[in-house]
Amino acid sequence: METLQIEIIEPRAKQLIDDLANLDLIRVTPMGNKAAFKKLLEKMRSSGSELPSEKEIADDVEAVRSHRVANGDGPLKPRVRPASATLGH
């Protein structure tokens, strides 16, 4: 048995894969979130680029916040716990 990782570029190809699985010619096992995250990390680490500085990260966060405010999305709202969830009350 051979295991391959396939990236579906054309959505119609998914139907072909499903059809092959229904004929018991192949077995499809979706990647879990951990596996997908691990793959992304490996790709980022192999790119050879340096990690962003704290200032670059802060600048990116500020740019996203400014964009949200400019588009009427507003700032992120803090979550409010329901009164029943507070301790001692």
N, C-alpha and C. Protein backbone atom coordinates (compact mmCIF):
# COMPACT_ATOMS: atom_id res chain seq x y z
N MET A 1 0.85 -1.18 0.00
CA MET A 1 0.00 0.00 0.00
C MET A 1 0.89 1.23 0.00
N GLU A 2 0.50 2.22 -0.75
CA GLU A 2 1.24 3.48 -0.86
C GLU A 2 0.36 4.60 -0.35
N THR A 3 0.95 5.50 0.44
CA THR A 3 0.21 6.64 0.98
C THR A 3 0.69 7.90 0.28
N LEU A 4 -0.26 8.70 -0.18
CA LEU A 4 0.04 9.95 -0.86
C LEU A 4 -0.73 11.08 -0.21
N GLN A 5 -0.18 12.25 -0.27
CA GLN A 5 -0.91 13.44 0.16
C GLN A 5 -1.27 14.21 -1.10
N ILE A 6 -2.53 14.50 -1.26
CA ILE A 6 -3.02 15.14 -2.48
C ILE A 6 -3.63 16.49 -2.14
N GLU A 7 -3.22 17.50 -2.86
CA GLU A 7 -3.82 18.83 -2.70
C GLU A 7 -4.82 19.01 -3.84
N ILE A 8 -6.08 19.21 -3.49
CA ILE A 8 -7.12 19.36 -4.51
C ILE A 8 -7.18 20.81 -4.95
N ILE A 9 -6.88 21.03 -6.20
CA ILE A 9 -6.89 22.39 -6.76
C ILE A 9 -8.23 22.69 -7.41
N GLU A 10 -8.74 21.73 -8.15
CA GLU A 10 -10.03 21.89 -8.84
C GLU A 10 -11.10 21.19 -8.01
N PRO A 11 -12.11 21.92 -7.53
CA PRO A 11 -13.14 21.33 -6.68
C PRO A 11 -13.82 20.10 -7.29
N ARG A 12 -13.91 20.02 -8.61
CA ARG A 12 -14.56 18.88 -9.25
C ARG A 12 -13.76 17.59 -9.04
N ALA A 13 -12.47 17.72 -8.77
CA ALA A 13 -11.64 16.55 -8.55
C ALA A 13 -12.05 15.83 -7.27
N LYS A 14 -12.61 16.53 -6.31
CA LYS A 14 -13.06 15.91 -5.06
C LYS A 14 -14.11 14.84 -5.35
N GLN A 15 -15.00 15.10 -6.28
CA GLN A 15 -16.02 14.12 -6.65
C GLN A 15 -15.38 12.86 -7.23
N LEU A 16 -14.35 13.03 -8.04
CA LEU A 16 -13.65 11.87 -8.60
C LEU A 16 -13.02 11.03 -7.48
N ILE A 17 -12.43 11.69 -6.53
CA ILE A 17 -11.82 10.99 -5.40
C ILE A 17 -12.88 10.26 -4.59
N ASP A 18 -14.00 10.93 -4.35
CA ASP A 18 -15.10 10.29 -3.62
C ASP A 18 -15.62 9.07 -4.37
N ASP A 19 -15.71 9.16 -5.69
CA ASP A 19 -16.17 8.03 -6.50
C ASP A 19 -15.21 6.84 -6.39
N LEU A 20 -13.90 7.11 -6.43
CA LEU A 20 -12.91 6.04 -6.27
C LEU A 20 -13.01 5.40 -4.89
N ALA A 21 -13.27 6.21 -3.88
CA ALA A 21 -13.42 5.68 -2.52
C ALA A 21 -14.68 4.82 -2.43
N ASN A 22 -15.76 5.23 -3.08
CA ASN A 22 -17.00 4.46 -3.06
C ASN A 22 -16.85 3.11 -3.76
N LEU A 23 -15.91 3.02 -4.70
CA LEU A 23 -15.64 1.76 -5.39
C LEU A 23 -14.62 0.91 -4.63
N ASP A 24 -14.24 1.37 -3.44
CA ASP A 24 -13.25 0.69 -2.60
C ASP A 24 -11.90 0.53 -3.31
N LEU A 25 -11.57 1.49 -4.15
CA LEU A 25 -10.28 1.49 -4.82
C LEU A 25 -9.24 2.27 -4.02
N ILE A 26 -9.72 3.26 -3.27
CA ILE A 26 -8.83 4.06 -2.43
C ILE A 26 -9.53 4.31 -1.09
N ARG A 27 -8.75 4.71 -0.10
CA ARG A 27 -9.31 5.11 1.19
C ARG A 27 -8.89 6.56 1.42
N VAL A 28 -9.85 7.40 1.74
CA VAL A 28 -9.61 8.82 1.98
C VAL A 28 -9.66 9.06 3.47
N THR A 29 -8.58 9.63 4.00
CA THR A 29 -8.51 9.98 5.41
C THR A 29 -8.16 11.46 5.50
N PRO A 30 -9.11 12.29 5.91
CA PRO A 30 -8.82 13.73 6.01
C PRO A 30 -7.71 13.99 7.02
N MET A 31 -6.92 15.03 6.72
CA MET A 31 -5.89 15.44 7.67
C MET A 31 -6.57 16.16 8.83
N GLY A 32 -6.17 15.85 10.02
CA GLY A 32 -6.69 16.54 11.18
C GLY A 32 -6.07 17.93 11.29
N ASN A 33 -6.63 18.75 12.15
CA ASN A 33 -6.11 20.10 12.33
C ASN A 33 -4.65 20.10 12.77
N LYS A 34 -4.28 19.15 13.64
CA LYS A 34 -2.90 19.10 14.10
C LYS A 34 -1.96 18.78 12.95
N ALA A 35 -2.35 17.84 12.09
CA ALA A 35 -1.50 17.47 10.96
C ALA A 35 -1.37 18.62 9.99
N ALA A 36 -2.46 19.32 9.73
CA ALA A 36 -2.42 20.46 8.81
C ALA A 36 -1.55 21.57 9.39
N PHE A 37 -1.67 21.80 10.70
CA PHE A 37 -0.88 22.84 11.36
C PHE A 37 0.60 22.47 11.32
N LYS A 38 0.90 21.20 11.56
CA LYS A 38 2.29 20.73 11.52
C LYS A 38 2.88 20.94 10.13
N LYS A 39 2.10 20.62 9.11
CA LYS A 39 2.55 20.80 7.73
C LYS A 39 2.84 22.27 7.45
N LEU A 40 1.96 23.14 7.92
CA LEU A 40 2.16 24.57 7.72
C LEU A 40 3.43 25.04 8.42
N LEU A 41 3.65 24.58 9.66
CA LEU A 41 4.86 24.95 10.38
C LEU A 41 6.12 24.49 9.64
N GLU A 42 6.09 23.26 9.16
CA GLU A 42 7.24 22.73 8.43
C GLU A 42 7.52 23.57 7.19
N LYS A 43 6.47 23.96 6.49
CA LYS A 43 6.62 24.78 5.29
C LYS A 43 7.21 26.14 5.63
N MET A 44 6.72 26.74 6.72
CA MET A 44 7.22 28.06 7.11
C MET A 44 8.67 27.98 7.57
N ARG A 45 9.00 26.93 8.31
CA ARG A 45 10.37 26.78 8.82
C ARG A 45 11.36 26.49 7.71
N SER A 46 10.91 25.81 6.66
CA SER A 46 11.81 25.47 5.57
C SER A 46 12.01 26.62 4.59
N SER A 47 11.23 27.67 4.73
CA SER A 47 11.33 28.79 3.79
C SER A 47 12.62 29.57 3.96
N GLY A 48 13.29 29.42 5.10
CA GLY A 48 14.57 30.10 5.31
C GLY A 48 14.43 31.55 5.71
N SER A 49 13.22 32.04 5.78
CA SER A 49 13.06 33.44 6.17
C SER A 49 13.13 33.57 7.68
N GLU A 50 13.46 34.77 8.13
CA GLU A 50 13.56 35.03 9.55
C GLU A 50 12.18 35.28 10.15
N LEU A 51 12.08 35.05 11.44
CA LEU A 51 10.83 35.32 12.13
C LEU A 51 10.59 36.83 12.18
N PRO A 52 9.34 37.25 12.15
CA PRO A 52 9.08 38.69 12.24
C PRO A 52 9.42 39.21 13.63
N SER A 53 9.83 40.47 13.69
CA SER A 53 10.15 41.08 14.98
C SER A 53 8.85 41.43 15.70
N GLU A 54 8.96 41.75 16.98
CA GLU A 54 7.78 42.16 17.74
C GLU A 54 7.16 43.41 17.13
N LYS A 55 8.00 44.32 16.64
CA LYS A 55 7.49 45.55 16.03
C LYS A 55 6.71 45.24 14.76
N GLU A 56 7.22 44.32 13.94
CA GLU A 56 6.50 43.94 12.71
C GLU A 56 5.15 43.32 13.04
N ILE A 57 5.12 42.48 14.06
CA ILE A 57 3.85 41.87 14.47
C ILE A 57 2.89 42.94 14.97
N ALA A 58 3.39 43.85 15.82
CA ALA A 58 2.54 44.92 16.35
C ALA A 58 2.02 45.81 15.22
N ASP A 59 2.87 46.10 14.24
CA ASP A 59 2.44 46.92 13.09
C ASP A 59 1.34 46.21 12.30
N ASP A 60 1.48 44.90 12.09
CA ASP A 60 0.46 44.14 11.38
C ASP A 60 -0.86 44.13 12.14
N VAL A 61 -0.78 43.93 13.45
CA VAL A 61 -2.00 43.93 14.27
C VAL A 61 -2.68 45.30 14.18
N GLU A 62 -1.91 46.35 14.27
CA GLU A 62 -2.48 47.70 14.20
C GLU A 62 -3.11 47.95 12.83
N ALA A 63 -2.47 47.46 11.77
CA ALA A 63 -3.03 47.63 10.43
C ALA A 63 -4.37 46.92 10.30
N VAL A 64 -4.48 45.72 10.85
CA VAL A 64 -5.75 44.98 10.80
C VAL A 64 -6.82 45.71 11.60
N ARG A 65 -6.45 46.19 12.77
CA ARG A 65 -7.42 46.92 13.60
C ARG A 65 -7.90 48.18 12.89
N SER A 66 -6.97 48.92 12.31
CA SER A 66 -7.34 50.15 11.59
C SER A 66 -8.26 49.83 10.42
N HIS A 67 -7.97 48.76 9.71
CA HIS A 67 -8.79 48.35 8.57
C HIS A 67 -10.21 48.01 9.02
N ARG A 68 -10.32 47.28 10.14
CA ARG A 68 -11.63 46.91 10.66
C ARG A 68 -12.43 48.14 11.03
N VAL A 69 -11.78 49.09 11.70
CA VAL A 69 -12.48 50.30 12.13
C VAL A 69 -12.90 51.13 10.90
N ALA A 70 -12.01 51.22 9.91
CA ALA A 70 -12.31 52.00 8.70
C ALA A 70 -13.47 51.40 7.92
N ASN A 71 -13.64 50.07 7.98
CA ASN A 71 -14.71 49.40 7.25
C ASN A 71 -15.97 49.23 8.07
N GLY A 72 -16.01 49.82 9.25
CA GLY A 72 -17.21 49.74 10.07
C GLY A 72 -17.34 48.45 10.85
N ASP A 73 -16.32 47.62 10.80
CA ASP A 73 -16.37 46.38 11.57
C ASP A 73 -16.14 46.64 13.05
N GLY A 74 -15.52 47.75 13.34
CA GLY A 74 -15.26 48.12 14.72
C GLY A 74 -14.19 47.27 15.35
N PRO A 75 -13.76 47.67 16.51
CA PRO A 75 -12.74 46.89 17.21
C PRO A 75 -13.34 45.59 17.73
N LEU A 76 -12.48 44.67 18.05
CA LEU A 76 -12.95 43.42 18.63
C LEU A 76 -13.57 43.70 19.98
N LYS A 77 -14.70 43.12 20.24
CA LYS A 77 -15.39 43.34 21.50
C LYS A 77 -15.00 42.26 22.49
N PRO A 78 -14.73 42.65 23.75
CA PRO A 78 -14.39 41.63 24.73
C PRO A 78 -15.60 40.76 25.03
N ARG A 79 -15.34 39.52 25.35
CA ARG A 79 -16.42 38.61 25.71
C ARG A 79 -16.88 38.95 27.12
N VAL A 80 -18.16 38.95 27.31
CA VAL A 80 -18.74 39.20 28.63
C VAL A 80 -19.31 37.89 29.15
N ARG A 81 -18.85 37.50 30.33
CA ARG A 81 -19.37 36.27 30.91
C ARG A 81 -20.75 36.52 31.47
N PRO A 82 -21.66 35.58 31.33
CA PRO A 82 -22.99 35.74 31.92
C PRO A 82 -22.87 35.79 33.44
N ALA A 83 -23.82 36.48 34.06
CA ALA A 83 -23.80 36.65 35.51
C ALA A 83 -23.76 35.32 36.23
N SER A 84 -24.39 34.30 35.67
CA SER A 84 -24.41 32.99 36.32
C SER A 84 -23.03 32.33 36.34
N ALA A 85 -22.12 32.81 35.50
CA ALA A 85 -20.80 32.21 35.43
C ALA A 85 -19.80 32.85 36.39
N THR A 86 -20.16 33.95 37.01
CA THR A 86 -19.24 34.62 37.92
C THR A 86 -19.16 33.86 39.22
N LEU A 87 -18.03 33.88 39.84
CA LEU A 87 -17.82 33.16 41.08
C LEU A 87 -18.43 33.93 42.25
N GLY A 88 -19.04 33.22 43.16
CA GLY A 88 -19.55 33.83 44.39
C GLY A 88 -20.84 34.60 44.22
N HIS A 89 -21.45 34.54 43.05
CA HIS A 89 -22.70 35.28 42.86
C HIS A 89 -23.77 34.38 42.31
